């Protein structure tokens, strides 16, 4: 990954938590909407969980280099 997009990604991720304090939910449906920045935290946890699952599944489904030989 190039340095500039990586830095922008980290910057936007860091700014999303304080932005959660500035915005609020008018109609709270789920328990995590009571915490201002919980959507960003749950999104990050979900992303890492999906990456872990994909890595785990890829270890079993990947083919060897000499598969077609």
N, C-alpha and C. Protein backbone atom coordinates (compact mmCIF):
# COMPACT_ATOMS: atom_id res chain seq x y z
N UNK A 1 0.85 -1.19 0.00
CA UNK A 1 0.00 0.00 0.00
C UNK A 1 0.89 1.24 0.00
N UNK A 2 0.52 2.19 -0.79
CA UNK A 2 1.31 3.42 -0.83
C UNK A 2 1.16 4.18 0.47
N UNK A 3 2.11 5.04 0.73
CA UNK A 3 2.14 5.75 2.01
C UNK A 3 1.02 6.78 2.15
N UNK A 4 0.74 7.55 1.09
CA UNK A 4 -0.26 8.60 1.20
C UNK A 4 -1.67 8.05 1.43
N UNK A 5 -2.13 7.04 0.66
CA UNK A 5 -3.47 6.49 0.96
C UNK A 5 -3.54 5.83 2.34
N UNK A 6 -2.43 5.23 2.76
CA UNK A 6 -2.40 4.59 4.08
C UNK A 6 -2.55 5.64 5.18
N UNK A 7 -1.86 6.76 5.03
CA UNK A 7 -1.97 7.82 6.02
C UNK A 7 -3.36 8.44 6.03
N UNK A 8 -3.96 8.60 4.85
CA UNK A 8 -5.32 9.13 4.78
C UNK A 8 -6.32 8.18 5.43
N UNK A 9 -6.15 6.89 5.21
CA UNK A 9 -7.03 5.91 5.82
C UNK A 9 -6.94 5.97 7.35
N UNK A 10 -5.74 6.05 7.87
CA UNK A 10 -5.54 6.14 9.32
C UNK A 10 -6.12 7.44 9.85
N UNK A 11 -5.94 8.53 9.12
CA UNK A 11 -6.48 9.82 9.55
C UNK A 11 -8.01 9.78 9.62
N UNK A 12 -8.65 9.25 8.58
CA UNK A 12 -10.11 9.18 8.59
C UNK A 12 -10.63 8.24 9.66
N UNK A 13 -9.91 7.16 9.91
CA UNK A 13 -10.32 6.24 10.97
C UNK A 13 -10.21 6.91 12.33
N UNK A 14 -9.17 7.71 12.53
CA UNK A 14 -9.01 8.40 13.81
C UNK A 14 -10.04 9.52 13.96
N UNK A 15 -10.43 10.16 12.87
CA UNK A 15 -11.41 11.24 12.94
C UNK A 15 -12.85 10.73 13.09
N UNK A 16 -13.08 9.46 12.80
CA UNK A 16 -14.45 8.94 12.89
C UNK A 16 -14.92 8.82 14.34
N UNK A 17 -14.01 8.58 15.27
CA UNK A 17 -14.41 8.46 16.68
C UNK A 17 -14.82 9.81 17.25
N UNK A 18 -14.03 10.88 17.10
CA UNK A 18 -14.52 12.17 17.59
C UNK A 18 -15.77 12.65 16.85
N UNK A 19 -15.90 12.28 15.58
CA UNK A 19 -17.10 12.68 14.84
C UNK A 19 -18.34 12.00 15.41
N UNK A 20 -18.16 10.84 16.02
CA UNK A 20 -19.28 10.16 16.65
C UNK A 20 -19.82 10.92 17.85
N UNK A 21 -18.96 11.67 18.51
CA UNK A 21 -19.43 12.48 19.64
C UNK A 21 -20.23 13.70 19.18
N UNK A 22 -19.97 14.17 17.98
CA UNK A 22 -20.65 15.35 17.47
C UNK A 22 -22.02 15.03 16.87
N UNK A 23 -22.20 13.78 16.48
CA UNK A 23 -23.48 13.38 15.92
C UNK A 23 -24.21 12.49 16.92
N UNK A 24 -25.50 12.49 16.86
CA UNK A 24 -26.28 11.65 17.75
C UNK A 24 -27.40 10.98 16.99
N UNK A 25 -27.94 9.95 17.58
CA UNK A 25 -29.06 9.24 16.98
C UNK A 25 -30.34 9.79 17.58
N UNK A 26 -31.25 10.21 16.71
CA UNK A 26 -32.53 10.73 17.19
C UNK A 26 -33.41 9.60 17.71
N UNK A 27 -33.43 8.51 16.99
CA UNK A 27 -34.28 7.39 17.37
C UNK A 27 -33.37 6.20 17.68
N UNK A 28 -33.16 5.91 18.94
CA UNK A 28 -32.27 4.83 19.35
C UNK A 28 -33.04 3.52 19.30
N UNK A 29 -32.54 2.59 18.48
CA UNK A 29 -33.18 1.29 18.34
C UNK A 29 -32.37 0.22 19.04
N UNK A 30 -31.04 0.25 18.84
CA UNK A 30 -30.17 -0.77 19.39
C UNK A 30 -29.41 -0.20 20.59
N UNK A 31 -28.92 -1.08 21.45
CA UNK A 31 -28.27 -0.63 22.68
C UNK A 31 -26.98 0.13 22.39
N UNK A 32 -26.29 -0.24 21.30
CA UNK A 32 -25.01 0.42 21.03
C UNK A 32 -25.17 1.83 20.48
N UNK A 33 -26.36 2.25 20.14
CA UNK A 33 -26.56 3.62 19.70
C UNK A 33 -26.55 4.61 20.86
N UNK A 34 -26.60 4.12 22.08
CA UNK A 34 -26.46 5.01 23.24
C UNK A 34 -25.03 5.50 23.39
N UNK A 35 -24.05 4.72 22.91
CA UNK A 35 -22.64 5.12 22.94
C UNK A 35 -22.32 5.79 21.61
N UNK A 36 -21.77 6.97 21.65
CA UNK A 36 -21.62 7.79 20.45
C UNK A 36 -20.74 7.17 19.37
N UNK A 37 -19.62 6.61 19.73
CA UNK A 37 -18.66 6.13 18.74
C UNK A 37 -18.69 4.61 18.58
N UNK A 38 -19.70 3.95 19.10
CA UNK A 38 -19.75 2.50 19.08
C UNK A 38 -19.90 1.94 17.66
N UNK A 39 -20.53 2.68 16.75
CA UNK A 39 -20.64 2.20 15.37
C UNK A 39 -19.27 2.05 14.73
N UNK A 40 -18.36 2.98 14.98
CA UNK A 40 -17.01 2.91 14.42
C UNK A 40 -16.24 1.74 15.03
N UNK A 41 -16.40 1.52 16.32
CA UNK A 41 -15.69 0.41 16.97
C UNK A 41 -16.22 -0.93 16.47
N UNK A 42 -17.54 -1.08 16.40
CA UNK A 42 -18.11 -2.33 15.90
C UNK A 42 -17.75 -2.58 14.44
N UNK A 43 -17.68 -1.52 13.65
CA UNK A 43 -17.25 -1.67 12.26
C UNK A 43 -15.82 -2.14 12.15
N UNK A 44 -14.94 -1.60 12.99
CA UNK A 44 -13.54 -2.05 12.99
C UNK A 44 -13.39 -3.48 13.44
N UNK A 45 -14.12 -3.85 14.49
CA UNK A 45 -14.07 -5.24 14.97
C UNK A 45 -14.61 -6.19 13.91
N UNK A 46 -15.70 -5.80 13.25
CA UNK A 46 -16.26 -6.63 12.19
C UNK A 46 -15.31 -6.81 11.02
N UNK A 47 -14.58 -5.75 10.68
CA UNK A 47 -13.61 -5.82 9.60
C UNK A 47 -12.50 -6.80 9.92
N UNK A 48 -11.94 -6.71 11.12
CA UNK A 48 -10.87 -7.63 11.50
C UNK A 48 -11.38 -9.06 11.63
N UNK A 49 -12.62 -9.24 12.08
CA UNK A 49 -13.19 -10.57 12.16
C UNK A 49 -13.37 -11.18 10.77
N UNK A 50 -13.85 -10.39 9.82
CA UNK A 50 -13.98 -10.89 8.45
C UNK A 50 -12.62 -11.23 7.83
N UNK A 51 -11.61 -10.42 8.09
CA UNK A 51 -10.28 -10.71 7.57
C UNK A 51 -9.73 -12.01 8.16
N UNK A 52 -9.98 -12.25 9.45
CA UNK A 52 -9.53 -13.48 10.09
C UNK A 52 -10.25 -14.69 9.49
N UNK A 53 -11.54 -14.58 9.29
CA UNK A 53 -12.31 -15.69 8.72
C UNK A 53 -11.85 -15.99 7.30
N UNK A 54 -11.62 -14.97 6.50
CA UNK A 54 -11.16 -15.16 5.13
C UNK A 54 -9.80 -15.84 5.11
N UNK A 55 -8.90 -15.43 5.99
CA UNK A 55 -7.58 -16.04 6.06
C UNK A 55 -7.69 -17.50 6.48
N UNK A 56 -8.57 -17.80 7.44
CA UNK A 56 -8.76 -19.16 7.91
C UNK A 56 -9.33 -20.05 6.81
N UNK A 57 -10.32 -19.56 6.08
CA UNK A 57 -10.94 -20.34 5.00
C UNK A 57 -9.97 -20.51 3.84
N UNK A 58 -9.19 -19.48 3.53
CA UNK A 58 -8.25 -19.56 2.42
C UNK A 58 -7.15 -20.59 2.68
N UNK A 59 -6.83 -20.83 3.94
CA UNK A 59 -5.81 -21.82 4.25
C UNK A 59 -6.28 -23.22 3.87
N UNK A 60 -7.57 -23.48 3.94
CA UNK A 60 -8.09 -24.80 3.60
C UNK A 60 -8.48 -24.93 2.14
N UNK A 61 -8.86 -23.87 1.50
CA UNK A 61 -9.36 -23.95 0.13
C UNK A 61 -8.32 -23.63 -0.93
N UNK A 62 -7.15 -23.16 -0.55
CA UNK A 62 -6.14 -22.81 -1.56
C UNK A 62 -5.57 -24.08 -2.17
N UNK A 63 -5.23 -23.98 -3.46
CA UNK A 63 -4.69 -25.12 -4.19
C UNK A 63 -3.18 -25.03 -4.22
N UNK A 64 -2.56 -26.16 -4.33
CA UNK A 64 -1.10 -26.19 -4.40
C UNK A 64 -0.64 -25.73 -5.78
N UNK A 65 0.64 -25.38 -5.87
CA UNK A 65 1.18 -24.85 -7.12
C UNK A 65 1.13 -25.87 -8.24
N UNK A 66 1.30 -27.14 -7.95
CA UNK A 66 1.33 -28.16 -8.99
C UNK A 66 -0.04 -28.81 -9.19
N UNK A 67 -1.08 -28.10 -8.94
CA UNK A 67 -2.43 -28.66 -9.04
C UNK A 67 -2.76 -29.09 -10.45
N UNK A 68 -2.36 -28.33 -11.46
CA UNK A 68 -2.72 -28.62 -12.84
C UNK A 68 -1.66 -29.46 -13.56
N UNK A 69 -0.62 -29.85 -12.90
CA UNK A 69 0.45 -30.65 -13.55
C UNK A 69 0.09 -32.10 -13.60
